[in-house]
N, C-alpha and C. Protein backbone atom coordinates (compact mmCIF):
# COMPACT_ATOMS: atom_id res chain seq x y z
N MET A 1 0.79 -1.10 0.10
CA MET A 1 -0.04 0.00 -0.13
C MET A 1 0.86 1.27 -0.06
N GLY A 2 1.95 1.20 0.69
CA GLY A 2 2.81 2.36 0.62
C GLY A 2 3.47 2.59 -0.61
N ALA A 3 3.84 1.58 -1.31
CA ALA A 3 4.45 1.83 -2.67
C ALA A 3 3.39 2.40 -3.80
N VAL A 4 2.22 1.97 -3.52
CA VAL A 4 1.00 2.53 -4.29
C VAL A 4 0.87 3.82 -4.03
N SER A 5 0.79 4.27 -2.72
CA SER A 5 0.65 5.65 -2.31
C SER A 5 1.64 6.49 -2.83
N ILE A 6 3.02 6.17 -2.71
CA ILE A 6 4.13 7.03 -3.18
C ILE A 6 3.90 7.04 -4.77
N ALA A 7 3.65 5.94 -5.37
CA ALA A 7 3.43 6.16 -6.79
C ALA A 7 2.38 7.08 -7.29
N PHE A 8 1.22 7.11 -6.67
CA PHE A 8 0.21 7.84 -6.83
C PHE A 8 0.61 9.23 -6.71
N LEU A 9 1.09 9.58 -5.43
CA LEU A 9 1.46 10.92 -5.15
C LEU A 9 2.49 11.60 -6.12
N THR A 10 3.56 10.89 -6.57
CA THR A 10 4.49 11.19 -7.46
C THR A 10 4.05 11.40 -8.85
N THR A 11 3.03 10.32 -9.37
CA THR A 11 2.42 10.52 -10.66
C THR A 11 1.54 11.80 -10.57
N GLY A 12 0.76 11.95 -9.50
CA GLY A 12 -0.38 13.25 -9.43
C GLY A 12 0.37 14.45 -9.52
N ASN A 13 1.58 14.54 -8.64
CA ASN A 13 2.19 15.74 -8.60
C ASN A 13 3.01 16.03 -9.91
N SER A 14 3.68 15.16 -10.59
CA SER A 14 4.28 15.40 -11.81
C SER A 14 3.27 15.63 -12.95
N THR A 15 2.05 14.95 -13.04
CA THR A 15 0.95 15.44 -13.87
C THR A 15 0.65 16.87 -13.78
N ILE A 16 0.35 17.21 -12.67
CA ILE A 16 -0.17 18.68 -12.28
C ILE A 16 0.81 19.60 -12.76
N GLN A 17 2.30 19.43 -12.43
CA GLN A 17 3.21 20.37 -12.77
C GLN A 17 3.42 20.39 -14.22
N LEU A 18 3.27 19.26 -14.95
CA LEU A 18 3.67 19.31 -16.33
C LEU A 18 2.41 20.01 -17.14
N ALA A 19 1.23 19.81 -16.66
CA ALA A 19 0.04 20.29 -17.32
C ALA A 19 -0.25 21.73 -16.97
N ALA A 20 0.34 22.24 -16.09
CA ALA A 20 0.02 23.69 -15.70
C ALA A 20 0.91 24.71 -16.40
N PRO A 21 0.59 25.74 -16.73
CA PRO A 21 1.29 26.74 -17.31
C PRO A 21 2.46 27.18 -16.49
N PRO A 22 3.63 27.47 -17.08
CA PRO A 22 4.73 27.77 -16.12
C PRO A 22 4.47 28.93 -15.18
N GLN A 23 3.73 29.93 -15.56
CA GLN A 23 3.64 31.03 -14.66
C GLN A 23 2.43 30.65 -13.41
N MET A 24 1.73 29.60 -13.74
CA MET A 24 0.75 29.13 -12.62
C MET A 24 1.00 27.88 -11.87
N ARG A 25 2.26 27.44 -12.37
CA ARG A 25 2.72 25.97 -11.57
C ARG A 25 2.80 26.06 -10.23
N GLY A 26 3.26 27.09 -9.43
CA GLY A 26 3.44 27.09 -8.04
C GLY A 26 1.96 27.23 -7.44
N ARG A 27 1.15 28.06 -8.11
CA ARG A 27 -0.16 28.06 -7.51
C ARG A 27 -1.07 26.82 -7.66
N VAL A 28 -0.88 26.06 -8.93
CA VAL A 28 -1.54 25.01 -9.05
C VAL A 28 -1.11 23.83 -7.90
N THR A 29 0.23 23.72 -7.99
CA THR A 29 0.81 22.76 -7.05
C THR A 29 0.48 22.94 -5.57
N GLY A 30 0.30 24.38 -5.15
CA GLY A 30 -0.30 24.65 -3.74
C GLY A 30 -1.57 24.22 -3.72
N LEU A 31 -2.42 24.40 -4.74
CA LEU A 31 -3.85 23.92 -4.47
C LEU A 31 -3.93 22.36 -4.56
N TRP A 32 -3.19 21.77 -5.24
CA TRP A 32 -3.16 20.32 -5.21
C TRP A 32 -2.72 19.85 -3.72
N THR A 33 -1.74 20.31 -3.32
CA THR A 33 -1.27 19.91 -1.82
C THR A 33 -2.28 20.11 -0.82
N THR A 34 -2.91 21.44 -0.89
CA THR A 34 -3.98 21.75 -0.23
C THR A 34 -5.13 20.93 -0.06
N ALA A 35 -5.47 20.50 -1.33
CA ALA A 35 -6.86 19.72 -1.49
C ALA A 35 -6.35 18.26 -1.05
N PHE A 36 -5.06 17.81 -1.20
CA PHE A 36 -4.97 16.54 -1.03
C PHE A 36 -4.72 16.21 0.39
N VAL A 37 -3.65 16.95 0.91
CA VAL A 37 -3.24 16.93 2.40
C VAL A 37 -4.50 17.52 3.41
N GLY A 38 -5.12 18.56 2.79
CA GLY A 38 -6.03 19.09 3.74
C GLY A 38 -7.44 18.36 3.94
N SER A 39 -7.61 17.41 2.96
CA SER A 39 -8.80 16.69 3.23
C SER A 39 -8.55 15.37 3.93
N THR A 40 -7.38 15.07 4.49
CA THR A 40 -7.04 13.89 5.24
C THR A 40 -7.70 13.93 6.65
N PRO A 41 -7.76 14.96 7.23
CA PRO A 41 -8.49 15.22 8.59
C PRO A 41 -9.92 14.85 8.38
N ILE A 42 -10.47 15.36 7.44
CA ILE A 42 -12.13 15.33 7.27
C ILE A 42 -12.32 13.84 6.99
N GLY A 43 -11.62 13.17 6.14
CA GLY A 43 -11.83 11.77 5.89
C GLY A 43 -11.49 10.99 7.13
N ALA A 44 -10.49 11.12 7.86
CA ALA A 44 -10.07 10.51 8.94
C ALA A 44 -11.40 10.54 10.12
N VAL A 45 -11.89 11.60 10.18
CA VAL A 45 -13.03 11.89 11.09
C VAL A 45 -14.34 10.96 10.74
N ALA A 46 -14.57 11.25 9.28
CA ALA A 46 -15.65 10.38 8.80
C ALA A 46 -15.51 8.89 9.09
N VAL A 47 -14.28 8.44 8.69
CA VAL A 47 -14.03 7.01 8.76
C VAL A 47 -14.04 6.62 10.37
N GLY A 48 -13.53 7.49 11.22
CA GLY A 48 -13.64 7.11 12.51
C GLY A 48 -14.99 7.04 13.07
N VAL A 49 -15.78 7.93 12.57
CA VAL A 49 -17.31 7.96 13.15
C VAL A 49 -17.90 6.69 12.62
N ILE A 50 -17.67 6.10 11.40
CA ILE A 50 -18.24 5.10 10.66
C ILE A 50 -17.80 3.92 11.49
N ALA A 51 -16.55 3.83 11.66
CA ALA A 51 -15.93 2.57 12.48
C ALA A 51 -16.55 2.64 13.88
N HIS A 52 -16.81 3.67 14.69
CA HIS A 52 -17.42 3.78 15.85
C HIS A 52 -18.69 3.10 15.90
N PHE A 53 -19.59 3.37 15.09
CA PHE A 53 -20.92 2.74 14.92
C PHE A 53 -20.93 1.42 14.23
N TYR A 54 -20.00 1.25 13.36
CA TYR A 54 -20.28 -0.14 12.57
C TYR A 54 -18.94 -0.96 12.77
N ARG A 55 -18.19 -0.78 13.89
CA ARG A 55 -16.90 -1.48 14.08
C ARG A 55 -15.90 -1.34 12.88
N GLY A 56 -14.93 -2.03 13.22
CA GLY A 56 -13.69 -1.99 12.24
C GLY A 56 -13.97 -2.33 10.85
N ARG A 57 -14.82 -3.32 10.72
CA ARG A 57 -15.26 -3.57 9.07
C ARG A 57 -15.99 -2.51 8.51
N GLY A 58 -16.65 -1.82 9.25
CA GLY A 58 -17.54 -0.79 8.68
C GLY A 58 -16.49 0.31 8.27
N GLY A 59 -15.64 0.82 8.90
CA GLY A 59 -14.67 1.78 8.67
C GLY A 59 -13.76 1.30 7.32
N LEU A 60 -13.45 0.08 7.50
CA LEU A 60 -12.61 -0.58 6.21
C LEU A 60 -13.64 -0.35 5.04
N ALA A 61 -14.90 -0.92 5.07
CA ALA A 61 -15.75 -0.60 3.85
C ALA A 61 -15.95 0.65 3.40
N ALA A 62 -15.90 1.56 4.33
CA ALA A 62 -15.99 2.97 3.83
C ALA A 62 -14.69 3.60 2.95
N GLY A 63 -13.60 2.96 3.50
CA GLY A 63 -12.40 3.31 2.78
C GLY A 63 -12.45 2.67 1.46
N VAL A 64 -12.86 1.51 1.35
CA VAL A 64 -13.09 0.66 0.11
C VAL A 64 -14.04 1.30 -0.77
N VAL A 65 -15.25 1.74 -0.23
CA VAL A 65 -16.09 2.51 -1.14
C VAL A 65 -15.39 3.87 -1.53
N GLY A 66 -14.69 4.49 -0.80
CA GLY A 66 -14.12 5.87 -1.19
C GLY A 66 -13.18 5.49 -2.31
N CYS A 67 -12.39 4.43 -2.36
CA CYS A 67 -11.38 4.17 -3.21
C CYS A 67 -12.04 3.85 -4.65
N ILE A 68 -13.07 3.12 -4.52
CA ILE A 68 -13.89 2.72 -5.80
C ILE A 68 -14.44 3.81 -6.35
N ALA A 69 -15.14 4.79 -5.52
CA ALA A 69 -15.50 6.01 -5.99
C ALA A 69 -14.55 6.90 -6.65
N ALA A 70 -13.34 6.92 -6.12
CA ALA A 70 -12.18 7.67 -6.95
C ALA A 70 -11.73 7.09 -8.12
N VAL A 71 -11.74 5.93 -8.14
CA VAL A 71 -11.41 5.17 -9.31
C VAL A 71 -12.39 5.37 -10.47
N ILE A 72 -13.62 5.27 -10.09
CA ILE A 72 -14.69 5.71 -11.22
C ILE A 72 -14.87 7.05 -11.69
N ALA A 73 -14.47 8.10 -10.54
CA ALA A 73 -14.56 9.41 -10.97
C ALA A 73 -13.33 9.68 -11.93
N GLY A 74 -12.17 9.09 -11.51
CA GLY A 74 -10.89 9.34 -12.32
C GLY A 74 -11.08 8.71 -13.77
N ALA A 75 -11.74 7.56 -13.83
CA ALA A 75 -11.91 7.10 -15.19
C ALA A 75 -12.98 7.97 -15.88
N LEU A 76 -13.99 8.42 -15.50
CA LEU A 76 -14.89 9.10 -16.07
C LEU A 76 -14.14 10.33 -16.74
N ILE A 77 -13.54 11.00 -15.62
CA ILE A 77 -12.64 12.23 -16.13
C ILE A 77 -11.73 12.08 -17.13
N PHE A 78 -11.04 11.00 -17.16
CA PHE A 78 -10.06 10.59 -18.00
C PHE A 78 -10.64 10.46 -19.58
N ARG A 79 -11.83 9.68 -19.40
CA ARG A 79 -12.53 9.34 -20.70
C ARG A 79 -13.02 10.77 -21.20
N HIS A 80 -13.65 11.64 -20.50
CA HIS A 80 -14.06 12.91 -20.95
C HIS A 80 -13.06 13.66 -21.54
N HIS A 81 -11.83 13.78 -20.84
CA HIS A 81 -10.80 14.48 -21.23
C HIS A 81 -10.25 13.94 -22.70
N ASN A 82 -10.10 12.63 -22.72
CA ASN A 82 -9.61 12.09 -23.85
C ASN A 82 -10.73 12.22 -25.11
N THR A 83 -12.04 12.20 -24.80
CA THR A 83 -12.91 12.47 -25.83
C THR A 83 -12.78 13.94 -26.44
N ILE A 84 -12.74 14.96 -25.54
CA ILE A 84 -12.59 16.25 -25.81
C ILE A 84 -11.36 16.37 -26.67
N HIS A 85 -10.32 15.96 -26.12
CA HIS A 85 -8.90 16.06 -26.73
C HIS A 85 -8.90 15.51 -28.18
N HIS A 86 -9.56 14.35 -28.32
CA HIS A 86 -9.49 13.57 -29.55
C HIS A 86 -10.42 14.55 -30.62
N ASN A 87 -11.50 14.98 -30.15
CA ASN A 87 -12.42 15.71 -30.97
C ASN A 87 -11.94 17.02 -31.51
N THR A 88 -10.90 17.62 -30.74
CA THR A 88 -10.34 18.94 -31.09
C THR A 88 -9.04 18.64 -32.16
N LYS A 89 -8.56 17.49 -32.04
CA LYS A 89 -7.70 17.11 -33.13
C LYS A 89 -8.28 16.99 -34.49
N GLU A 90 -9.39 16.56 -34.50
CA GLU A 90 -10.06 16.29 -35.85
C GLU A 90 -10.35 17.71 -36.53
N ILE A 91 -10.56 18.65 -35.75
CA ILE A 91 -11.25 20.01 -36.47
C ILE A 91 -9.87 20.69 -36.88
């Protein structure tokens, strides 16, 4: 899990920096870091509350559902981006 986490962070950070215009790179990277690191306490509290009421398996299930939702959202965004990018190449 640690290796996957590091790979995700490295890939995400590199992609953000390469996609951002040079004059906006610092701002975009700052927003990425704030969104990614800043959401950790919110998620930890939410999973803690779920685990309190539904035991450890409920907390684990909440994490799994969150991961699956993130994968689906990422796939839809990737698909939408590729559709738009593909259509602009043909024009």
